[in-house]
C-alpha atoms as a PDB file:
ATOM      1  CA  MET A   1    -103.165  62.025  54.324  1.00  0.00           C
ATOM      2  CA  ILE A   2    -105.180  58.837  55.392  1.00  0.00           C
ATOM      3  CA  VAL A   3    -106.742  58.368  58.820  1.00  0.00           C
ATOM      4  CA  VAL A   4    -108.314  54.967  59.643  1.00  0.00           C
ATOM      5  CA  GLU A   5    -110.725  55.072  62.705  1.00  0.00           C
ATOM      6  CA  ASP A   6    -111.765  51.878  64.320  1.00  0.00           C
ATOM      7  CA  LEU A   7    -112.095  49.973  61.173  1.00  0.00           C
ATOM      8  CA  HIS A   8    -113.708  46.514  61.049  1.00  0.00           C
ATOM      9  CA  LYS A   9    -114.181  44.005  58.302  1.00  0.00           C
ATOM     10  CA  HIS A  10    -115.985  40.750  59.184  1.00  0.00           C
ATOM     11  CA  PHE A  11    -116.671  37.664  57.005  1.00  0.00           C
ATOM     12  CA  GLY A  12    -119.222  35.978  58.953  1.00  0.00           C
ATOM     13  CA  GLY A  13    -117.768  35.273  62.327  1.00  0.00           C
ATOM     14  CA  PHE A  14    -114.241  35.938  61.164  1.00  0.00           C
ATOM     15  CA  ARG A  15    -112.809  39.247  62.074  1.00  0.00           C
ATOM     16  CA  ALA A  16    -110.266  39.954  59.367  1.00  0.00           C
ATOM     17  CA  VAL A  17    -109.813  43.725  60.539  1.00  0.00           C
ATOM     18  CA  ASP A  18    -110.961  44.126  64.120  1.00  0.00           C
ATOM     19  CA  GLY A  19    -110.949  47.666  65.106  1.00  0.00           C
ATOM     20  CA  ALA A  20    -107.717  48.960  63.300  1.00  0.00           C
ATOM     21  CA  SER A  21    -106.898  52.545  63.651  1.00  0.00           C
ATOM     22  CA  LEU A  22    -103.814  54.245  62.220  1.00  0.00           C
ATOM     23  CA  ARG A  23    -102.481  57.443  60.428  1.00  0.00           C
ATOM     24  CA  ILE A  24    -100.570  57.785  57.158  1.00  0.00           C
ATOM     25  CA  GLU A  25     -98.706  61.004  56.970  1.00  0.00           C
ATOM     26  CA  THR A  26     -98.433  62.961  53.876  1.00  0.00           C
ATOM     27  CA  GLY A  27     -94.947  62.308  52.055  1.00  0.00           C
ATOM     28  CA  SER A  28     -94.091  59.112  54.155  1.00  0.00           C
ATOM     29  CA  ILE A  29     -93.266  55.799  52.990  1.00  0.00           C
ATOM     30  CA  THR A  30     -95.034  53.633  55.589  1.00  0.00           C
ATOM     31  CA  GLY A  31     -94.372  49.804  55.899  1.00  0.00           C
ATOM     32  CA  LEU A  32     -97.128  47.538  57.014  1.00  0.00           C
ATOM     33  CA  ILE A  33     -96.001  44.233  58.455  1.00  0.00           C
ATOM     34  CA  GLY A  34     -97.358  41.379  60.372  1.00  0.00           C
ATOM     35  CA  PRO A  35     -97.830  37.694  60.553  1.00  0.00           C
ATOM     36  CA  ASN A  36     -99.904  35.897  57.790  1.00  0.00           C
ATOM     37  CA  GLY A  37    -103.469  36.312  58.475  1.00  0.00           C
ATOM     38  CA  ALA A  38    -102.992  39.681  60.375  1.00  0.00           C
ATOM     39  CA  GLY A  39    -105.487  41.470  58.110  1.00  0.00           C
ATOM     40  CA  LYS A  40    -102.994  43.653  56.222  1.00  0.00           C
ATOM     41  CA  THR A  41    -104.336  42.960  52.595  1.00  0.00           C
ATOM     42  CA  THR A  42    -108.107  43.118  53.833  1.00  0.00           C
ATOM     43  CA  LEU A  43    -107.140  46.484  55.446  1.00  0.00           C
ATOM     44  CA  PHE A  44    -105.651  47.660  51.982  1.00  0.00           C
ATOM     45  CA  ASN A  45    -108.764  46.418  50.230  1.00  0.00           C
ATOM     46  CA  VAL A  46    -111.179  48.313  52.568  1.00  0.00           C
ATOM     47  CA  ILE A  47    -109.231  51.525  52.155  1.00  0.00           C
ATOM     48  CA  ALA A  48    -108.820  51.212  48.396  1.00  0.00           C
ATOM     49  CA  GLY A  49    -112.627  50.496  48.143  1.00  0.00           C
ATOM     50  CA  VAL A  50    -112.336  46.747  46.911  1.00  0.00           C
ATOM     51  CA  LEU A  51    -114.361  45.793  50.049  1.00  0.00           C
ATOM     52  CA  GLU A  52    -116.921  47.719  52.014  1.00  0.00           C
ATOM     53  CA  PRO A  53    -116.134  47.747  55.906  1.00  0.00           C
ATOM     54  CA  THR A  54    -118.265  46.302  58.412  1.00  0.00           C
ATOM     55  CA  SER A  55    -117.947  49.533  60.559  1.00  0.00           C
ATOM     56  CA  GLY A  56    -115.374  52.413  60.954  1.00  0.00           C
ATOM     57  CA  ARG A  57    -114.102  55.157  58.818  1.00  0.00           C
ATOM     58  CA  VAL A  58    -111.439  56.126  56.211  1.00  0.00           C
ATOM     59  CA  ILE A  59    -110.580  59.749  55.841  1.00  0.00           C
ATOM     60  CA  MET A  60    -108.461  61.055  53.125  1.00  0.00           C
ATOM     61  CA  ASP A  61    -107.206  64.764  53.078  1.00  0.00           C
ATOM     62  CA  GLY A  62    -110.058  65.534  55.564  1.00  0.00           C
ATOM     63  CA  GLU A  63    -112.693  63.826  53.332  1.00  0.00           C
ATOM     64  CA  ASP A  64    -114.742  60.737  54.336  1.00  0.00           C
ATOM     65  CA  ILE A  65    -114.029  58.034  51.699  1.00  0.00           C
ATOM     66  CA  THR A  66    -115.371  55.096  53.360  1.00  0.00           C
ATOM     67  CA  GLY A  67    -117.035  52.842  51.148  1.00  0.00           C
ATOM     68  CA  LEU A  68    -116.274  54.648  47.808  1.00  0.00           C
ATOM     69  CA  PRO A  69    -115.526  52.434  44.822  1.00  0.00           C
ATOM     70  CA  PRO A  70    -111.978  52.108  43.428  1.00  0.00           C
ATOM     71  CA  HIS A  71    -112.852  54.151  40.269  1.00  0.00           C
ATOM     72  CA  ASP A  72    -113.810  57.107  42.495  1.00  0.00           C
ATOM     73  CA  LEU A  73    -110.686  56.802  44.658  1.00  0.00           C
ATOM     74  CA  PHE A  74    -108.598  56.381  41.540  1.00  0.00           C
ATOM     75  CA  HIS A  75    -109.705  59.860  40.505  1.00  0.00           C
ATOM     76  CA  LYS A  76    -108.931  61.253  43.985  1.00  0.00           C
ATOM     77  CA  GLY A  77    -105.267  60.040  43.508  1.00  0.00           C
ATOM     78  CA  LEU A  78    -105.533  56.795  45.686  1.00  0.00           C
ATOM     79  CA  LEU A  79    -104.158  53.819  43.884  1.00  0.00           C
ATOM     80  CA  ARG A  80    -103.135  50.312  44.785  1.00  0.00           C
ATOM     81  CA  THR A  81    -101.286  47.309  43.337  1.00  0.00           C
ATOM     82  CA  PHE A  82    -101.716  43.651  44.091  1.00  0.00           C
ATOM     83  CA  GLN A  83     -99.688  40.792  45.358  1.00  0.00           C
ATOM     84  CA  ILE A  84    -100.153  39.330  41.924  1.00  0.00           C
ATOM     85  CA  ALA A  85     -99.560  41.684  38.976  1.00  0.00           C
ATOM     86  CA  HIS A  86    -102.806  42.460  37.049  1.00  0.00           C
ATOM     87  CA  GLU A  87    -101.248  43.193  33.495  1.00  0.00           C
ATOM     88  CA  PHE A  88    -103.044  42.903  30.272  1.00  0.00           C
ATOM     89  CA  GLY A  89    -101.068  40.092  28.997  1.00  0.00           C
ATOM     90  CA  SER A  90    -101.975  40.405  25.314  1.00  0.00           C
ATOM     91  CA  MET A  91    -100.929  44.080  25.103  1.00  0.00           C
ATOM     92  CA  THR A  92     -97.437  45.573  25.016  1.00  0.00           C
ATOM     93  CA  CYS A  93     -95.823  47.030  28.182  1.00  0.00           C
ATOM     94  CA  ARG A  94     -96.165  50.556  26.562  1.00  0.00           C
ATOM     95  CA  GLU A  95     -99.995  49.902  25.767  1.00  0.00           C
ATOM     96  CA  ASN A  96    -100.540  48.659  29.362  1.00  0.00           C
ATOM     97  CA  LEU A  97     -99.261  52.209  30.530  1.00  0.00           C
ATOM     98  CA  MET A  98    -101.025  54.252  27.778  1.00  0.00           C
ATOM     99  CA  MET A  99    -104.453  52.737  28.575  1.00  0.00           C
ATOM    100  CA  VAL A 100    -104.276  53.843  32.277  1.00  0.00           C
ATOM    101  CA  PRO A 101    -105.438  57.549  32.144  1.00  0.00           C
ATOM    102  CA  GLY A 102    -109.343  57.969  32.003  1.00  0.00           C
ATOM    103  CA  GLY A 103    -111.454  60.031  29.879  1.00  0.00           C
ATOM    104  CA  GLN A 104    -109.481  59.534  26.718  1.00  0.00           C
ATOM    105  CA  SER A 105    -111.156  60.767  23.498  1.00  0.00           C
ATOM    106  CA  GLY A 106    -110.959  57.430  21.819  1.00  0.00           C
ATOM    107  CA  GLU A 107    -113.364  56.040  24.484  1.00  0.00           C
ATOM    108  CA  THR A 108    -116.456  57.602  22.852  1.00  0.00           C
ATOM    109  CA  LEU A 109    -118.022  56.478  19.509  1.00  0.00           C
ATOM    110  CA  TRP A 110    -118.581  60.161  18.408  1.00  0.00           C
ATOM    111  CA  ASN A 111    -114.931  60.878  18.474  1.00  0.00           C
ATOM    112  CA  THR A 112    -113.931  57.643  16.670  1.00  0.00           C
ATOM    113  CA  TRP A 113    -116.007  59.086  13.861  1.00  0.00           C
ATOM    114  CA  PHE A 114    -115.339  62.933  14.083  1.00  0.00           C
ATOM    115  CA  GLY A 115    -112.482  63.344  16.374  1.00  0.00           C
ATOM    116  CA  ARG A 116    -109.650  61.234  14.925  1.00  0.00           C
ATOM    117  CA  LYS A 117    -107.218  64.084  14.980  1.00  0.00           C
ATOM    118  CA  ARG A 118    -107.762  64.648  18.684  1.00  0.00           C
ATOM    119  CA  ILE A 119    -107.359  60.962  19.365  1.00  0.00           C
ATOM    120  CA  ALA A 120    -104.026  60.732  17.326  1.00  0.00           C
ATOM    121  CA  ASP A 121    -102.755  63.755  19.364  1.00  0.00           C
ATOM    122  CA  GLU A 122    -103.761  62.222  22.643  1.00  0.00           C
ATOM    123  CA  GLU A 123    -102.070  58.882  21.782  1.00  0.00           C
ATOM    124  CA  ARG A 124     -98.915  60.542  20.793  1.00  0.00           C
ATOM    125  CA  ALA A 125     -98.893  62.520  24.127  1.00  0.00           C
ATOM    126  CA  LEU A 126     -99.692  59.191  26.029  1.00  0.00           C
ATOM    127  CA  ARG A 127     -96.966  57.174  24.086  1.00  0.00           C
ATOM    128  CA  ALA A 128     -94.317  59.845  24.904  1.00  0.00           C
ATOM    129  CA  LYS A 129     -95.265  59.762  28.704  1.00  0.00           C
ATOM    130  CA  ALA A 130     -95.292  55.937  28.603  1.00  0.00           C
ATOM    131  CA  ASP A 131     -91.869  55.878  27.243  1.00  0.00           C
ATOM    132  CA  GLU A 132     -90.708  58.395  29.781  1.00  0.00           C
ATOM    133  CA  VAL A 133     -92.016  56.159  32.530  1.00  0.00           C
ATOM    134  CA  LEU A 134     -90.375  53.076  31.233  1.00  0.00           C
ATOM    135  CA  GLU A 135     -87.064  54.996  30.991  1.00  0.00           C
ATOM    136  CA  PHE A 136     -87.427  56.130  34.573  1.00  0.00           C
ATOM    137  CA  LEU A 137     -88.116  52.652  35.827  1.00  0.00           C
ATOM    138  CA  THR A 138     -85.067  51.335  33.538  1.00  0.00           C
ATOM    139  CA  ILE A 139     -87.411  48.874  31.625  1.00  0.00           C
ATOM    140  CA  GLU A 140     -87.620  50.848  28.360  1.00  0.00           C
ATOM    141  CA  HIS A 141     -86.138  47.611  26.717  1.00  0.00           C
ATOM    142  CA  ILE A 142     -89.242  45.782  27.355  1.00  0.00           C
ATOM    143  CA  ALA A 143     -91.696  48.522  25.898  1.00  0.00           C
ATOM    144  CA  ASP A 144     -92.724  46.494  22.813  1.00  0.00           C
ATOM    145  CA  LEU A 145     -92.865  43.043  24.555  1.00  0.00           C
ATOM    146  CA  LYS A 146     -96.213  41.518  25.463  1.00  0.00           C
ATOM    147  CA  ALA A 147     -96.742  42.134  29.141  1.00  0.00           C
ATOM    148  CA  SER A 148     -97.364  38.416  29.543  1.00  0.00           C
ATOM    149  CA  GLU A 149     -93.878  37.684  28.213  1.00  0.00           C
ATOM    150  CA  VAL A 150     -91.867  39.739  30.875  1.00  0.00           C
ATOM    151  CA  SER A 151     -90.625  38.517  34.249  1.00  0.00           C
ATOM    152  CA  GLY A 152     -92.363  38.905  37.394  1.00  0.00           C
ATOM    153  CA  GLY A 153     -90.276  41.580  38.619  1.00  0.00           C
ATOM    154  CA  GLN A 154     -90.715  43.553  35.486  1.00  0.00           C
ATOM    155  CA  LYS A 155     -94.497  43.164  35.849  1.00  0.00           C
ATOM    156  CA  LYS A 156     -94.241  44.631  39.400  1.00  0.00           C
ATOM    157  CA  LEU A 157     -92.281  47.552  37.846  1.00  0.00           C
ATOM    158  CA  LEU A 158     -94.909  47.992  35.196  1.00  0.00           C
ATOM    159  CA  GLU A 159     -97.558  48.147  37.951  1.00  0.00           C
ATOM    160  CA  LEU A 160     -95.563  50.922  39.660  1.00  0.00           C
ATOM    161  CA  GLY A 161     -95.393  52.559  36.144  1.00  0.00           C
ATOM    162  CA  ARG A 162     -99.218  52.730  35.938  1.00  0.00           C
ATOM    163  CA  THR A 163     -99.331  54.944  39.034  1.00  0.00           C
ATOM    164  CA  MET A 164     -96.993  57.383  37.269  1.00  0.00           C
ATOM    165  CA  MET A 165     -99.461  57.735  34.377  1.00  0.00           C
ATOM    166  CA  VAL A 166    -101.953  59.715  36.484  1.00  0.00           C
ATOM    167  CA  ASP A 167    -101.567  62.213  39.303  1.00  0.00           C
ATOM    168  CA  ALA A 168    -101.245  59.735  42.205  1.00  0.00           C
ATOM    169  CA  LYS A 169    -101.300  60.995  45.738  1.00  0.00           C
ATOM    170  CA  ILE A 170    -100.975  57.876  47.640  1.00  0.00           C
ATOM    171  CA  VAL A 171    -100.082  54.239  46.418  1.00  0.00           C
ATOM    172  CA  PHE A 172    -100.773  51.151  48.368  1.00  0.00           C
ATOM    173  CA  LEU A 173     -98.291  48.393  47.310  1.00  0.00           C
ATOM    174  CA  ASP A 174     -99.134  44.899  48.219  1.00  0.00           C
ATOM    175  CA  GLU A 175     -96.146  42.598  48.518  1.00  0.00           C
ATOM    176  CA  VAL A 176     -94.296  44.357  45.836  1.00  0.00           C
ATOM    177  CA  GLY A 177     -91.324  42.213  46.223  1.00  0.00           C
ATOM    178  CA  ALA A 178     -93.014  38.863  46.071  1.00  0.00           C
ATOM    179  CA  GLY A 179     -91.283  36.584  43.530  1.00  0.00           C
ATOM    180  CA  VAL A 180     -88.874  39.335  42.572  1.00  0.00           C
ATOM    181  CA  ASN A 181     -85.043  38.877  42.265  1.00  0.00           C
ATOM    182  CA  ARG A 182     -82.890  40.787  44.475  1.00  0.00           C
ATOM    183  CA  THR A 183     -81.486  43.018  41.684  1.00  0.00           C
ATOM    184  CA  LEU A 184     -84.901  44.043  40.432  1.00  0.00           C
ATOM    185  CA  LEU A 185     -86.254  44.522  44.019  1.00  0.00           C
ATOM    186  CA  TYR A 186     -83.500  47.047  44.534  1.00  0.00           C
ATOM    187  CA  THR A 187     -84.556  48.746  41.425  1.00  0.00           C
ATOM    188  CA  ILE A 188     -88.268  48.880  42.721  1.00  0.00           C
ATOM    189  CA  ALA A 189     -86.861  50.259  45.986  1.00  0.00           C
ATOM    190  CA  ASP A 190     -84.958  52.928  44.353  1.00  0.00           C
ATOM    191  CA  ALA A 191     -87.896  53.921  42.073  1.00  0.00           C
ATOM    192  CA  ILE A 192     -90.212  54.190  45.179  1.00  0.00           C
ATOM    193  CA  LYS A 193     -87.822  56.370  47.110  1.00  0.00           C
ATOM    194  CA  GLN A 194     -87.304  58.630  43.842  1.00  0.00           C
ATOM    195  CA  LEU A 195     -91.042  59.053  43.459  1.00  0.00           C
ATOM    196  CA  ASN A 196     -91.411  59.793  47.020  1.00  0.00           C
ATOM    197  CA  THR A 197     -88.705  62.573  47.100  1.00  0.00           C
ATOM    198  CA  GLU A 198     -89.066  63.945  43.615  1.00  0.00           C
ATOM    199  CA  ARG A 199     -92.814  63.683  42.936  1.00  0.00           C
ATOM    200  CA  GLY A 200     -94.144  63.709  46.403  1.00  0.00           C
ATOM    201  CA  TYR A 201     -95.788  60.335  46.364  1.00  0.00           C
ATOM    202  CA  THR A 202     -97.010  58.939  49.643  1.00  0.00           C
ATOM    203  CA  PHE A 203     -96.593  55.041  49.922  1.00  0.00           C
ATOM    204  CA  VAL A 204     -97.757  52.278  52.104  1.00  0.00           C
ATOM    205  CA  VAL A 205     -96.112  49.065  51.595  1.00  0.00           C
ATOM    206  CA  ILE A 206     -97.037  45.544  52.598  1.00  0.00           C
ATOM    207  CA  GLU A 207     -93.810  43.403  52.391  1.00  0.00           C
ATOM    208  CA  HIS A 208     -92.396  40.175  53.912  1.00  0.00           C
ATOM    209  CA  ASP A 209     -88.856  41.153  53.167  1.00  0.00           C
ATOM    210  CA  MET A 210     -87.512  42.979  56.231  1.00  0.00           C
ATOM    211  CA  ASP A 211     -84.419  44.179  54.375  1.00  0.00           C
ATOM    212  CA  PHE A 212     -86.663  45.951  51.697  1.00  0.00           C
ATOM    213  CA  ILE A 213     -88.759  47.478  54.687  1.00  0.00           C
ATOM    214  CA  ASP A 214     -85.608  48.644  56.364  1.00  0.00           C
ATOM    215  CA  LYS A 215     -84.254  50.202  53.094  1.00  0.00           C
ATOM    216  CA  ILE A 216     -87.256  52.369  52.326  1.00  0.00           C
ATOM    217  CA  CYS A 217     -89.802  52.501  55.181  1.00  0.00           C
ATOM    218  CA  ASP A 218     -90.326  54.946  58.198  1.00  0.00           C
ATOM    219  CA  PRO A 219     -92.411  54.449  60.064  1.00  0.00           C
ATOM    220  CA  VAL A 220     -93.314  50.738  60.274  1.00  0.00           C
ATOM    221  CA  ILE A 221     -96.802  49.672  61.483  1.00  0.00           C
ATOM    222  CA  CYS A 222     -97.348  45.955  62.686  1.00  0.00           C
ATOM    223  CA  MET A 223    -100.648  44.356  62.698  1.00  0.00           C
ATOM    224  CA  ALA A 224    -101.780  41.150  64.200  1.00  0.00           C
ATOM    225  CA  GLU A 225    -105.132  39.481  64.497  1.00  0.00           C
ATOM    226  CA  GLY A 226    -106.806  42.445  62.582  1.00  0.00           C
ATOM    227  CA  LYS A 227    -105.528  45.263  64.996  1.00  0.00           C
ATOM    228  CA  VAL A 228    -102.541  47.580  65.020  1.00  0.00           C
ATOM    229  CA  LEU A 229     -99.951  46.178  67.514  1.00  0.00           C
ATOM    230  CA  ALA A 230     -97.131  48.610  67.315  1.00  0.00           C
ATOM    231  CA  GLU A 231     -95.760  51.541  65.317  1.00  0.00           C
ATOM    232  CA  GLY A 232     -92.246  53.081  65.062  1.00  0.00           C
ATOM    233  CA  THR A 233     -88.969  52.653  63.367  1.00  0.00           C
ATOM    234  CA  LEU A 234     -88.115  48.993  62.142  1.00  0.00           C
ATOM    235  CA  ALA A 235     -85.560  48.751  65.008  1.00  0.00           C
ATOM    236  CA  GLU A 236     -88.212  49.702  67.563  1.00  0.00           C
ATOM    237  CA  ILE A 237     -90.674  47.219  66.089  1.00  0.00           C
ATOM    238  CA  LYS A 238     -88.234  44.356  66.274  1.00  0.00           C
ATOM    239  CA  ALA A 239     -87.513  45.157  69.945  1.00  0.00           C
ATOM    240  CA  ASN A 240     -91.109  45.132  70.924  1.00  0.00           C
ATOM    241  CA  GLU A 241     -92.210  42.091  72.864  1.00  0.00           C
ATOM    242  CA  GLN A 242     -95.794  42.098  71.611  1.00  0.00           C
ATOM    243  CA  VAL A 243     -94.572  42.045  68.030  1.00  0.00           C
ATOM    244  CA  ILE A 244     -92.077  39.174  68.853  1.00  0.00           C
ATOM    245  CA  GLU A 245     -95.012  37.143  70.618  1.00  0.00           C
ATOM    246  CA  ALA A 246     -97.232  37.737  67.556  1.00  0.00           C
ATOM    247  CA  TYR A 247     -94.735  36.381  65.102  1.00  0.00           C
ATOM    248  CA  LEU A 248     -93.035  33.700  67.138  1.00  0.00           C
ATOM    249  CA  GLY A 249     -95.280  33.010  70.149  1.00  0.00           C
ATOM    250  CA  THR A 250     -92.237  33.241  72.396  1.00  0.00           C
ATOM    251  CA  GLY A 251     -90.401  35.859  74.397  1.00  0.00           C
ATOM    252  CA  LEU A 252     -87.591  38.221  74.001  1.00  0.00           C
ATOM    253  CA  LYS A 253     -84.910  35.753  74.078  1.00  0.00           C
ATOM    254  CA  ASN A 254     -85.792  34.689  70.496  1.00  0.00           C
ATOM    255  CA  LYS A 255     -86.166  38.075  69.101  1.00  0.00           C
ATOM    256  CA  ASP A 256     -83.239  37.686  66.669  1.00  0.00           C
ATOM    257  CA  GLN A 257     -85.393  35.315  64.743  1.00  0.00           C
ATOM    258  CA  LEU A 258     -87.537  38.130  63.779  1.00  0.00           C
ATOM    259  CA  GLU A 259     -84.627  39.300  61.419  1.00  0.00           C
ATOM    260  CA  THR A 260     -85.451  36.393  59.069  1.00  0.00           C
ATOM    261  CA  THR A 261     -89.028  35.928  59.729  1.00  0.00           C
ATOM    262  CA  GLY A 262     -91.473  36.904  57.075  1.00  0.00           C
ATOM    263  CA  ALA A 263     -93.243  40.142  57.722  1.00  0.00           C
END
C-alpha cells in the first residue's frame, strides 16, 4: 500500500530521516521500532503530510502522494494519530467522533437556514455510528463525558475511534501505548487486530513496548539514525547484531537486554 523511496528530511544540518526506504504491505500490521532519535515520528510526519520531505518519494496505491497536505491524504484514507492525544476537550467523547467526517451539511451557512432537516438526519446517522464505534471499543460508558475528563488510555481509544468514523485504508499509530495501563493497552491491541481482520485496515505502529509489538505486529521494521536498519519478525529483529548495536552500543552478548529496552 505504501512505498517509501530514499526519503530524506533535514532540519538544517540535522538529518532526521536520511535515505529511508521501506514498503508497507496492504493488510499488514507493521511495527516501527528504533532508539530515541531514530527518525520514526519524523518519518510518520513526512508520510502523513505534516512535514514536506527534503527529497525522496512516498507512493500510496501506485499514486505519488509526496508532499500532499494531511487533509488531502485524509480523503484518500491515510490517517495518523499522535503520541499525545489531540482530543477536543470541551466536547463529549461522542461529539469528538461525530465531527470527524468531512463535508457535513451543517458546515454551510445555506443549509443552516434552509436545510435543517438534512442536517438533523445526518446528525442522527452520525450519532448512531459514533455509538457503534464507542461500543466496539468498549468505551460506550464515556460517551457523554467531556473528552478532557477521561483517562489517557481512553483518549487513545477515542483517537482510534476517529479512524473508524471514515473509510480509513491505512492508519499510522504513534506510540499508542504511551501512558496507557496494561488493561487498556490490551483493549487497544485487540481493537487494532479486529479492525485489521474484520475491516481490512492496514496499520503502521510506532511503539516502545516490545510485548505490544510482539502481540500484534508482523513484520517489524527497525530504524536507526534516520535509516531502515532491519526488517523481519520481532524474533529476527532481536537477534540482529546491528539492531543490538543501535540500541545498546554493545555486542550480541547483551542481546537479552533488548527484551526490556524501549523500542
